[in-house]
PDB file of N, CA and C in Angstrom:
ATOM      1  N   MET A   1      -9.339  -2.783  12.541  1.00  0.00           N
ATOM      2  CA  MET A   1      -8.063  -1.981  12.451  1.00  0.00           C
ATOM      3  C   MET A   1      -7.256  -2.630  12.144  1.00  0.00           C
ATOM      4  N   GLU A   2      -6.244  -2.224  11.626  1.00  0.00           N
ATOM      5  CA  GLU A   2      -4.784  -2.710  10.918  1.00  0.00           C
ATOM      6  C   GLU A   2      -3.515  -1.866  11.272  1.00  0.00           C
ATOM      7  N   SER A   3      -2.907  -2.335  11.927  1.00  0.00           N
ATOM      8  CA  SER A   3      -2.315  -1.890  12.671  1.00  0.00           C
ATOM      9  C   SER A   3      -0.727  -1.266  11.613  1.00  0.00           C
ATOM     10  N   PHE A   4      -0.559  -2.283  10.744  1.00  0.00           N
ATOM     11  CA  PHE A   4       0.681  -1.954   9.384  1.00  0.00           C
ATOM     12  C   PHE A   4       0.119  -2.236   7.944  1.00  0.00           C
ATOM     13  N   GLY A   5      -0.944  -2.949   7.474  1.00  0.00           N
ATOM     14  CA  GLY A   5      -1.142  -3.289   6.390  1.00  0.00           C
ATOM     15  C   GLY A   5      -0.504  -4.256   5.687  1.00  0.00           C
ATOM     16  N   LEU A   6      -0.341  -5.298   6.203  1.00  0.00           N
ATOM     17  CA  LEU A   6       0.572  -6.361   5.446  1.00  0.00           C
ATOM     18  C   LEU A   6      -0.208  -6.757   4.289  1.00  0.00           C
ATOM     19  N   ALA A   7      -1.380  -7.252   4.190  1.00  0.00           N
ATOM     20  CA  ALA A   7      -1.853  -7.650   3.255  1.00  0.00           C
ATOM     21  C   ALA A   7      -2.063  -6.622   1.999  1.00  0.00           C
ATOM     22  N   ALA A   8      -2.323  -5.307   2.187  1.00  0.00           N
ATOM     23  CA  ALA A   8      -2.165  -4.196   1.180  1.00  0.00           C
ATOM     24  C   ALA A   8      -0.452  -3.937   0.609  1.00  0.00           C
ATOM     25  N   LEU A   9       0.720  -4.226   1.601  1.00  0.00           N
ATOM     26  CA  LEU A   9       1.655  -4.712   1.337  1.00  0.00           C
ATOM     27  C   LEU A   9       1.974  -5.778   0.394  1.00  0.00           C
ATOM     28  N   GLU A  10       1.861  -6.824   0.579  1.00  0.00           N
ATOM     29  CA  GLU A  10       1.904  -7.813  -0.242  1.00  0.00           C
ATOM     30  C   GLU A  10       1.111  -7.634  -1.659  1.00  0.00           C
ATOM     31  N   ALA A  11      -0.114  -7.300  -1.392  1.00  0.00           N
ATOM     32  CA  ALA A  11      -0.644  -6.819  -3.086  1.00  0.00           C
ATOM     33  C   ALA A  11       0.251  -6.089  -3.796  1.00  0.00           C
ATOM     34  N   MET A  12       0.664  -5.098  -2.983  1.00  0.00           N
ATOM     35  CA  MET A  12       1.800  -4.062  -3.941  1.00  0.00           C
ATOM     36  C   MET A  12       2.818  -4.432  -4.811  1.00  0.00           C
ATOM     37  N   ALA A  13       3.267  -5.775  -3.688  1.00  0.00           N
ATOM     38  CA  ALA A  13       4.655  -6.591  -3.936  1.00  0.00           C
ATOM     39  C   ALA A  13       4.152  -6.999  -4.962  1.00  0.00           C
ATOM     40  N   CYS A  14       3.408  -7.410  -5.604  1.00  0.00           N
ATOM     41  CA  CYS A  14       2.276  -8.405  -6.158  1.00  0.00           C
ATOM     42  C   CYS A  14       2.199  -7.622  -7.308  1.00  0.00           C
ATOM     43  N   GLY A  15       2.182  -6.044  -7.721  1.00  0.00           N
ATOM     44  CA  GLY A  15       1.878  -5.458  -8.570  1.00  0.00           C
ATOM     45  C   GLY A  15       0.131  -5.205  -8.440  1.00  0.00           C
ATOM     46  N   VAL A  16      -0.638  -5.057  -7.551  1.00  0.00           N
ATOM     47  CA  VAL A  16      -1.624  -4.955  -7.303  1.00  0.00           C
ATOM     48  C   VAL A  16      -2.046  -3.985  -6.597  1.00  0.00           C
ATOM     49  N   PRO A  17      -2.316  -2.982  -6.951  1.00  0.00           N
ATOM     50  CA  PRO A  17      -3.036  -1.769  -6.754  1.00  0.00           C
ATOM     51  C   PRO A  17      -4.124  -1.683  -5.752  1.00  0.00           C
ATOM     52  N   PRO A  18      -3.894  -1.271  -3.944  1.00  0.00           N
ATOM     53  CA  PRO A  18      -4.563  -2.075  -2.976  1.00  0.00           C
ATOM     54  C   PRO A  18      -6.023  -0.875  -3.055  1.00  0.00           C
ATOM     55  N   VAL A  19      -6.907  -0.941  -3.052  1.00  0.00           N
ATOM     56  CA  VAL A  19      -7.965  -0.067  -2.235  1.00  0.00           C
ATOM     57  C   VAL A  19      -8.399  -0.244  -1.222  1.00  0.00           C
ATOM     58  N   ALA A  20      -8.443   0.755   0.044  1.00  0.00           N
ATOM     59  CA  ALA A  20      -8.294   0.581   1.093  1.00  0.00           C
ATOM     60  C   ALA A  20      -8.480   1.770   1.940  1.00  0.00           C
ATOM     61  N   THR A  21      -8.956   1.877   3.111  1.00  0.00           N
ATOM     62  CA  THR A  21      -9.290   2.672   4.245  1.00  0.00           C
ATOM     63  C   THR A  21      -8.205   2.976   4.662  1.00  0.00           C
ATOM     64  N   ARG A  22      -8.596   4.049   5.174  1.00  0.00           N
ATOM     65  CA  ARG A  22      -7.473   5.028   6.031  1.00  0.00           C
ATOM     66  C   ARG A  22      -7.798   4.776   7.783  1.00  0.00           C
ATOM     67  N   VAL A  23      -6.841   3.523   7.639  1.00  0.00           N
ATOM     68  CA  VAL A  23      -7.334   2.907   9.087  1.00  0.00           C
ATOM     69  C   VAL A  23      -5.660   2.681   9.735  1.00  0.00           C
ATOM     70  N   GLY A  24      -5.144   2.187  11.035  1.00  0.00           N
ATOM     71  CA  GLY A  24      -3.749   2.125  11.329  1.00  0.00           C
ATOM     72  C   GLY A  24      -2.770   2.788  10.790  1.00  0.00           C
ATOM     73  N   GLY A  25      -1.915   1.585   9.933  1.00  0.00           N
ATOM     74  CA  GLY A  25      -0.657   1.883   9.479  1.00  0.00           C
ATOM     75  C   GLY A  25      -0.912   2.101   8.102  1.00  0.00           C
ATOM     76  N   VAL A  26      -2.067   1.686   7.423  1.00  0.00           N
ATOM     77  CA  VAL A  26      -2.236   1.448   5.703  1.00  0.00           C
ATOM     78  C   VAL A  26      -2.325   3.128   5.193  1.00  0.00           C
ATOM     79  N   PRO A  27      -2.166   4.128   5.500  1.00  0.00           N
ATOM     80  CA  PRO A  27      -1.759   5.376   5.170  1.00  0.00           C
ATOM     81  C   PRO A  27      -0.411   5.177   4.533  1.00  0.00           C
ATOM     82  N   GLU A  28       0.850   5.096   5.968  1.00  0.00           N
ATOM     83  CA  GLU A  28       1.801   4.913   6.152  1.00  0.00           C
ATOM     84  C   GLU A  28       2.525   4.456   4.196  1.00  0.00           C
ATOM     85  N   LEU A  29       1.573   3.547   3.973  1.00  0.00           N
ATOM     86  CA  LEU A  29       1.933   2.238   2.702  1.00  0.00           C
ATOM     87  C   LEU A  29       1.844   3.109   1.564  1.00  0.00           C
ATOM     88  N   ILE A  30       0.287   3.181   1.509  1.00  0.00           N
ATOM     89  CA  ILE A  30      -0.371   3.778   0.092  1.00  0.00           C
ATOM     90  C   ILE A  30      -0.383   5.010  -0.374  1.00  0.00           C
ATOM     91  N   THR A  31       0.544   5.591  -1.147  1.00  0.00           N
ATOM     92  CA  THR A  31       0.513   6.740  -1.692  1.00  0.00           C
ATOM     93  C   THR A  31      -1.047   6.954  -2.369  1.00  0.00           C
ATOM     94  N   ASP A  32      -2.577   7.692  -2.020  1.00  0.00           N
ATOM     95  CA  ASP A  32      -3.567   7.747  -2.783  1.00  0.00           C
ATOM     96  C   ASP A  32      -3.775   8.231  -4.085  1.00  0.00           C
ATOM     97  N   GLY A  33      -4.253   7.139  -5.218  1.00  0.00           N
ATOM     98  CA  GLY A  33      -4.264   8.133  -5.926  1.00  0.00           C
ATOM     99  C   GLY A  33      -2.625   7.718  -6.681  1.00  0.00           C
ATOM    100  N   GLU A  34      -1.769   7.356  -6.115  1.00  0.00           N
ATOM    101  CA  GLU A  34      -0.465   7.404  -7.237  1.00  0.00           C
ATOM    102  C   GLU A  34      -0.064   5.200  -7.242  1.00  0.00           C
ATOM    103  N   ASP A  35      -0.534   4.821  -5.613  1.00  0.00           N
ATOM    104  CA  ASP A  35       0.191   3.517  -5.940  1.00  0.00           C
ATOM    105  C   ASP A  35      -1.496   2.417  -5.469  1.00  0.00           C
ATOM    106  N   GLY A  36      -1.940   3.077  -5.566  1.00  0.00           N
ATOM    107  CA  GLY A  36      -3.409   2.505  -4.641  1.00  0.00           C
ATOM    108  C   GLY A  36      -4.297   3.446  -4.133  1.00  0.00           C
ATOM    109  N   TYR A  37      -5.614   3.491  -3.980  1.00  0.00           N
ATOM    110  CA  TYR A  37      -6.422   4.324  -3.432  1.00  0.00           C
ATOM    111  C   TYR A  37      -6.726   3.940  -2.193  1.00  0.00           C
ATOM    112  N   LEU A  38      -7.132   5.288  -1.080  1.00  0.00           N
ATOM    113  CA  LEU A  38      -7.622   5.161   0.159  1.00  0.00           C
ATOM    114  C   LEU A  38      -8.989   5.583   0.227  1.00  0.00           C
ATOM    115  N   ALA A  39      -9.932   5.273   0.993  1.00  0.00           N
ATOM    116  CA  ALA A  39     -11.108   6.203   1.531  1.00  0.00           C
ATOM    117  C   ALA A  39     -11.232   5.596   2.694  1.00  0.00           C
ATOM    118  N   GLN A  40     -11.977   6.474   3.654  1.00  0.00           N
ATOM    119  CA  GLN A  40     -12.700   6.383   4.807  1.00  0.00           C
ATOM    120  C   GLN A  40     -13.215   5.328   5.291  1.00  0.00           C
ATOM    121  N   ALA A  41     -12.938   5.080   6.366  1.00  0.00           N
ATOM    122  CA  ALA A  41     -13.575   3.636   6.941  1.00  0.00           C
ATOM    123  C   ALA A  41     -15.173   3.918   6.770  1.00  0.00           C
ATOM    124  N   GLY A  42     -15.611   3.135   5.905  1.00  0.00           N
ATOM    125  CA  GLY A  42     -17.146   3.023   6.088  1.00  0.00           C
ATOM    126  C   GLY A  42     -18.119   3.644   5.074  1.00  0.00           C
ATOM    127  N   ASP A  43     -16.369   4.390   4.498  1.00  0.00           N
ATOM    128  CA  ASP A  43     -17.275   4.914   2.475  1.00  0.00           C
ATOM    129  C   ASP A  43     -17.438   3.957   1.764  1.00  0.00           C
ATOM    130  N   ILE A  44     -18.757   2.694   1.679  1.00  0.00           N
ATOM    131  CA  ILE A  44     -18.677   1.738   0.711  1.00  0.00           C
ATOM    132  C   ILE A  44     -18.715   2.294  -0.620  1.00  0.00           C
ATOM    133  N   GLU A  45     -19.261   3.687  -0.811  1.00  0.00           N
ATOM    134  CA  GLU A  45     -19.628   4.194  -2.582  1.00  0.00           C
ATOM    135  C   GLU A  45     -18.069   4.187  -2.697  1.00  0.00           C
ATOM    136  N   GLY A  46     -17.247   4.893  -1.856  1.00  0.00           N
ATOM    137  CA  GLY A  46     -15.977   5.485  -2.327  1.00  0.00           C
ATOM    138  C   GLY A  46     -14.986   4.551  -2.556  1.00  0.00           C
ATOM    139  N   LEU A  47     -15.126   3.272  -2.062  1.00  0.00           N
ATOM    140  CA  LEU A  47     -14.108   2.114  -2.388  1.00  0.00           C
ATOM    141  C   LEU A  47     -14.977   1.764  -3.121  1.00  0.00           C
ATOM    142  N   ALA A  48     -16.275   1.633  -3.911  1.00  0.00           N
ATOM    143  CA  ALA A  48     -16.710   1.007  -4.740  1.00  0.00           C
ATOM    144  C   ALA A  48     -15.758   1.636  -6.127  1.00  0.00           C
ATOM    145  N   GLU A  49     -16.215   2.541  -6.214  1.00  0.00           N
ATOM    146  CA  GLU A  49     -16.040   4.020  -7.314  1.00  0.00           C
ATOM    147  C   GLU A  49     -14.558   3.831  -7.562  1.00  0.00           C
ATOM    148  N   ARG A  50     -13.404   3.829  -6.505  1.00  0.00           N
ATOM    149  CA  ARG A  50     -11.931   3.428  -7.046  1.00  0.00           C
ATOM    150  C   ARG A  50     -11.633   2.016  -7.543  1.00  0.00           C
ATOM    151  N   THR A  51     -12.215   0.980  -6.828  1.00  0.00           N
ATOM    152  CA  THR A  51     -11.999  -0.268  -6.919  1.00  0.00           C
ATOM    153  C   THR A  51     -12.484  -0.369  -9.062  1.00  0.00           C
ATOM    154  N   LEU A  52     -13.532   0.292  -9.240  1.00  0.00           N
ATOM    155  CA  LEU A  52     -14.201   0.348 -11.302  1.00  0.00           C
ATOM    156  C   LEU A  52     -13.555   0.858 -11.582  1.00  0.00           C
ATOM    157  N   ARG A  53     -12.835   1.842 -11.137  1.00  0.00           N
ATOM    158  CA  ARG A  53     -12.028   2.843 -11.740  1.00  0.00           C
ATOM    159  C   ARG A  53     -10.878   2.353 -12.346  1.00  0.00           C
ATOM    160  N   LEU A  54     -10.472   1.410 -11.132  1.00  0.00           N
ATOM    161  CA  LEU A  54      -9.055   0.426 -11.657  1.00  0.00           C
ATOM    162  C   LEU A  54      -9.574  -0.453 -12.207  1.00  0.00           C
ATOM    163  N   VAL A  55     -10.230  -1.408 -12.694  1.00  0.00           N
ATOM    164  CA  VAL A  55     -10.627  -2.049 -12.943  1.00  0.00           C
ATOM    165  C   VAL A  55     -10.921  -2.170 -14.408  1.00  0.00           C
ATOM    166  N   THR A  56     -11.734  -0.720 -14.782  1.00  0.00           N
ATOM    167  CA  THR A  56     -12.467  -0.322 -16.378  1.00  0.00           C
ATOM    168  C   THR A  56     -11.109   0.436 -16.814  1.00  0.00           C
ATOM    169  N   ASP A  57     -10.177   0.836 -16.313  1.00  0.00           N
ATOM    170  CA  ASP A  57      -8.898   1.663 -16.994  1.00  0.00           C
ATOM    171  C   ASP A  57      -7.656   1.055 -16.613  1.00  0.00           C
ATOM    172  N   ASP A  58      -7.374   0.370 -18.288  1.00  0.00           N
ATOM    173  CA  ASP A  58      -6.354  -0.674 -18.299  1.00  0.00           C
ATOM    174  C   ASP A  58      -5.284   0.352 -18.423  1.00  0.00           C
ATOM    175  N   ALA A  59      -4.546   1.725 -18.832  1.00  0.00           N
ATOM    176  CA  ALA A  59      -3.790   2.519 -18.420  1.00  0.00           C
ATOM    177  C   ALA A  59      -3.285   2.772 -17.304  1.00  0.00           C
ATOM    178  N   LEU A  60      -4.632   3.363 -16.610  1.00  0.00           N
ATOM    179  CA  LEU A  60      -4.377   3.603 -14.912  1.00  0.00           C
ATOM    180  C   LEU A  60      -4.444   2.276 -14.169  1.00  0.00           C
ATOM    181  N   HIS A  61      -4.419   1.557 -14.531  1.00  0.00           N
ATOM    182  CA  HIS A  61      -4.629  -0.147 -13.950  1.00  0.00           C
ATOM    183  C   HIS A  61      -2.735   0.006 -14.066  1.00  0.00           C
ATOM    184  N   SER A  62      -2.536  -0.194 -15.217  1.00  0.00           N
ATOM    185  CA  SER A  62      -0.957  -0.239 -15.397  1.00  0.00           C
ATOM    186  C   SER A  62      -0.288   0.454 -14.686  1.00  0.00           C
ATOM    187  N   ARG A  63      -0.151   1.862 -14.943  1.00  0.00           N
ATOM    188  CA  ARG A  63       0.487   2.959 -13.837  1.00  0.00           C
ATOM    189  C   ARG A  63       0.231   2.870 -12.600  1.00  0.00           C
ATOM    190  N   MET A  64      -0.568   2.512 -11.931  1.00  0.00           N
ATOM    191  CA  MET A  64      -0.333   2.331 -10.594  1.00  0.00           C
ATOM    192  C   MET A  64      -0.131   1.046 -10.155  1.00  0.00           C
ATOM    193  N   ALA A  65       0.138  -0.047 -10.866  1.00  0.00           N
ATOM    194  CA  ALA A  65       0.556  -1.497 -10.353  1.00  0.00           C
ATOM    195  C   ALA A  65       2.085  -1.182 -10.820  1.00  0.00           C
ATOM    196  N   ALA A  66       2.605  -0.366 -11.232  1.00  0.00           N
ATOM    197  CA  ALA A  66       3.663  -0.715 -11.613  1.00  0.00           C
ATOM    198  C   ALA A  66       4.569   0.002 -10.399  1.00  0.00           C
ATOM    199  N   LYS A  67       3.894   1.433 -10.271  1.00  0.00           N
ATOM    200  CA  LYS A  67       3.974   2.568  -9.186  1.00  0.00           C
ATOM    201  C   LYS A  67       3.711   1.416  -7.471  1.00  0.00           C
ATOM    202  N   ALA A  68       2.813   0.652  -7.372  1.00  0.00           N
ATOM    203  CA  ALA A  68       2.651  -0.016  -6.351  1.00  0.00           C
ATOM    204  C   ALA A  68       3.704  -1.242  -6.365  1.00  0.00           C
ATOM    205  N   ARG A  69       4.138  -1.678  -7.177  1.00  0.00           N
ATOM    206  CA  ARG A  69       4.862  -3.248  -6.791  1.00  0.00           C
ATOM    207  C   ARG A  69       6.801  -1.680  -6.757  1.00  0.00           C
ATOM    208  N   HIS A  70       6.965  -0.559  -7.423  1.00  0.00           N
ATOM    209  CA  HIS A  70       8.100   0.176  -6.975  1.00  0.00           C
ATOM    210  C   HIS A  70       7.955   0.570  -5.292  1.00  0.00           C
ATOM    211  N   THR A  71       6.882   1.457  -5.085  1.00  0.00           N
ATOM    212  CA  THR A  71       6.694   1.052  -3.345  1.00  0.00           C
ATOM    213  C   THR A  71       7.273   0.196  -2.467  1.00  0.00           C
ATOM    214  N   ALA A  72       6.464  -1.232  -3.061  1.00  0.00           N
ATOM    215  CA  ALA A  72       7.205  -2.007  -1.852  1.00  0.00           C
ATOM    216  C   ALA A  72       8.240  -2.443  -2.082  1.00  0.00           C
ATOM    217  N   VAL A  73       8.438  -2.499  -3.336  1.00  0.00           N
ATOM    218  CA  VAL A  73      10.450  -3.140  -3.241  1.00  0.00           C
ATOM    219  C   VAL A  73      11.396  -1.798  -3.013  1.00  0.00           C
ATOM    220  N   THR A  74      11.292  -0.744  -2.776  1.00  0.00           N
ATOM    221  CA  THR A  74      12.117   0.435  -2.770  1.00  0.00           C
ATOM    222  C   THR A  74      11.769   0.976  -1.297  1.00  0.00           C
ATOM    223  N   ARG A  75      10.413   0.770  -1.205  1.00  0.00           N
ATOM    224  CA  ARG A  75      10.666   1.298   0.938  1.00  0.00           C
ATOM    225  C   ARG A  75      10.431   0.228   1.779  1.00  0.00           C
ATOM    226  N   PHE A  76       9.883  -1.013   1.252  1.00  0.00           N
ATOM    227  CA  PHE A  76       9.260  -2.470   1.994  1.00  0.00           C
ATOM    228  C   PHE A  76      10.794  -3.221   2.001  1.00  0.00           C
ATOM    229  N   SER A  77      11.460  -2.859   1.173  1.00  0.00           N
ATOM    230  CA  SER A  77      11.982  -4.555   0.817  1.00  0.00           C
ATOM    231  C   SER A  77      12.568  -4.852   2.455  1.00  0.00           C
ATOM    232  N   THR A  78      13.452  -6.244   2.445  1.00  0.00           N
ATOM    233  CA  THR A  78      13.765  -6.864   3.718  1.00  0.00           C
ATOM    234  C   THR A  78      15.405  -6.609   3.506  1.00  0.00           C
ATOM    235  N   GLU A  79      15.923  -5.950   2.479  1.00  0.00           N
ATOM    236  CA  GLU A  79      17.386  -5.121   2.375  1.00  0.00           C
ATOM    237  C   GLU A  79      17.248  -3.488   3.001  1.00  0.00           C
ATOM    238  N   LYS A  80      16.197  -3.369   3.022  1.00  0.00           N
ATOM    239  CA  LYS A  80      15.862  -2.152   3.889  1.00  0.00           C
ATOM    240  C   LYS A  80      15.682  -1.954   5.262  1.00  0.00           C
ATOM    241  N   ILE A  81      14.556  -3.125   5.055  1.00  0.00           N
ATOM    242  CA  ILE A  81      13.805  -3.056   6.637  1.00  0.00           C
ATOM    243  C   ILE A  81      14.329  -3.625   7.947  1.00  0.00           C
ATOM    244  N   ILE A  82      14.996  -5.015   7.326  1.00  0.00           N
ATOM    245  CA  ILE A  82      15.999  -5.219   8.278  1.00  0.00           C
ATOM    246  C   ILE A  82      16.992  -4.870   8.946  1.00  0.00           C
ATOM    247  N   PRO A  83      17.555  -3.784   8.130  1.00  0.00           N
ATOM    248  CA  PRO A  83      18.826  -3.300   9.041  1.00  0.00           C
ATOM    249  C   PRO A  83      18.395  -2.136   9.965  1.00  0.00           C
ATOM    250  N   GLN A  84      17.400  -1.196   9.852  1.00  0.00           N
ATOM    251  CA  GLN A  84      16.191  -0.661  10.443  1.00  0.00           C
ATOM    252  C   GLN A  84      15.970  -1.388  12.053  1.00  0.00           C
ATOM    253  N   TYR A  85      15.639  -2.480  11.478  1.00  0.00           N
ATOM    254  CA  TYR A  85      14.903  -3.165  12.941  1.00  0.00           C
ATOM    255  C   TYR A  85      16.372  -3.337  13.842  1.00  0.00           C
ATOM    256  N   GLU A  86      17.407  -3.831  13.134  1.00  0.00           N
ATOM    257  CA  GLU A  86      19.000  -4.396  13.937  1.00  0.00           C
ATOM    258  C   GLU A  86      18.910  -2.845  14.754  1.00  0.00           C
ATOM    259  N   ALA A  87      18.901  -1.865  13.653  1.00  0.00           N
ATOM    260  CA  ALA A  87      19.906  -0.410  14.937  1.00  0.00           C
ATOM    261  C   ALA A  87      18.924  -0.543  15.540  1.00  0.00           C
ATOM    262  N   TYR A  88      17.556  -0.642  16.080  1.00  0.00           N
ATOM    263  CA  TYR A  88      16.849  -0.443  16.878  1.00  0.00           C
ATOM    264  C   TYR A  88      17.068  -0.746  17.930  1.00  0.00           C
ATOM    265  N   TYR A  89      17.180  -2.376  17.651  1.00  0.00           N
ATOM    266  CA  TYR A  89      16.866  -3.527  19.020  1.00  0.00           C
ATOM    267  C   TYR A  89      18.891  -2.887  19.431  1.00  0.00           C
ATOM    268  N   GLU A  90      19.691  -3.128  18.565  1.00  0.00           N
ATOM    269  CA  GLU A  90      20.870  -2.108  18.764  1.00  0.00           C
ATOM    270  C   GLU A  90      20.742  -1.112  20.118  1.00  0.00           C
ATOM    271  N   ARG A  91      20.220  -0.137  19.765  1.00  0.00           N
ATOM    272  CA  ARG A  91      19.966   0.901  20.784  1.00  0.00           C
ATOM    273  C   ARG A  91      19.005   0.815  22.000  1.00  0.00           C
ATOM    274  N   VAL A  92      18.129   0.069  21.503  1.00  0.00           N
ATOM    275  CA  VAL A  92      16.963  -0.268  22.595  1.00  0.00           C
ATOM    276  C   VAL A  92      18.285  -1.033  23.882  1.00  0.00           C
ATOM    277  N   LEU A  93      19.117  -2.209  23.509  1.00  0.00           N
ATOM    278  CA  LEU A  93      19.973  -2.949  24.254  1.00  0.00           C
ATOM    279  C   LEU A  93      20.935  -1.976  24.781  1.00  0.00           C
TER     280      LEU A  93
END
């Protein structure tokens, strides 16, 4: 189980499109087929097929890598996330 998907987000920030399972918060990070791939937990064949697709299609990999980086930077940058935490903490206090 992955509550957030930090490893996937770190990969995306490095321009690596993740191939992951639909568990925990991971689906909130990855838009399937755009900036990474998602498969059901236990779907080994599906994960392998998506991984092979990425490593054998340079154009697809480039497109998804750029989109993955863009997603990480625009949706999850510290400049965006920290103010949300601060606002939440202020509301709670």
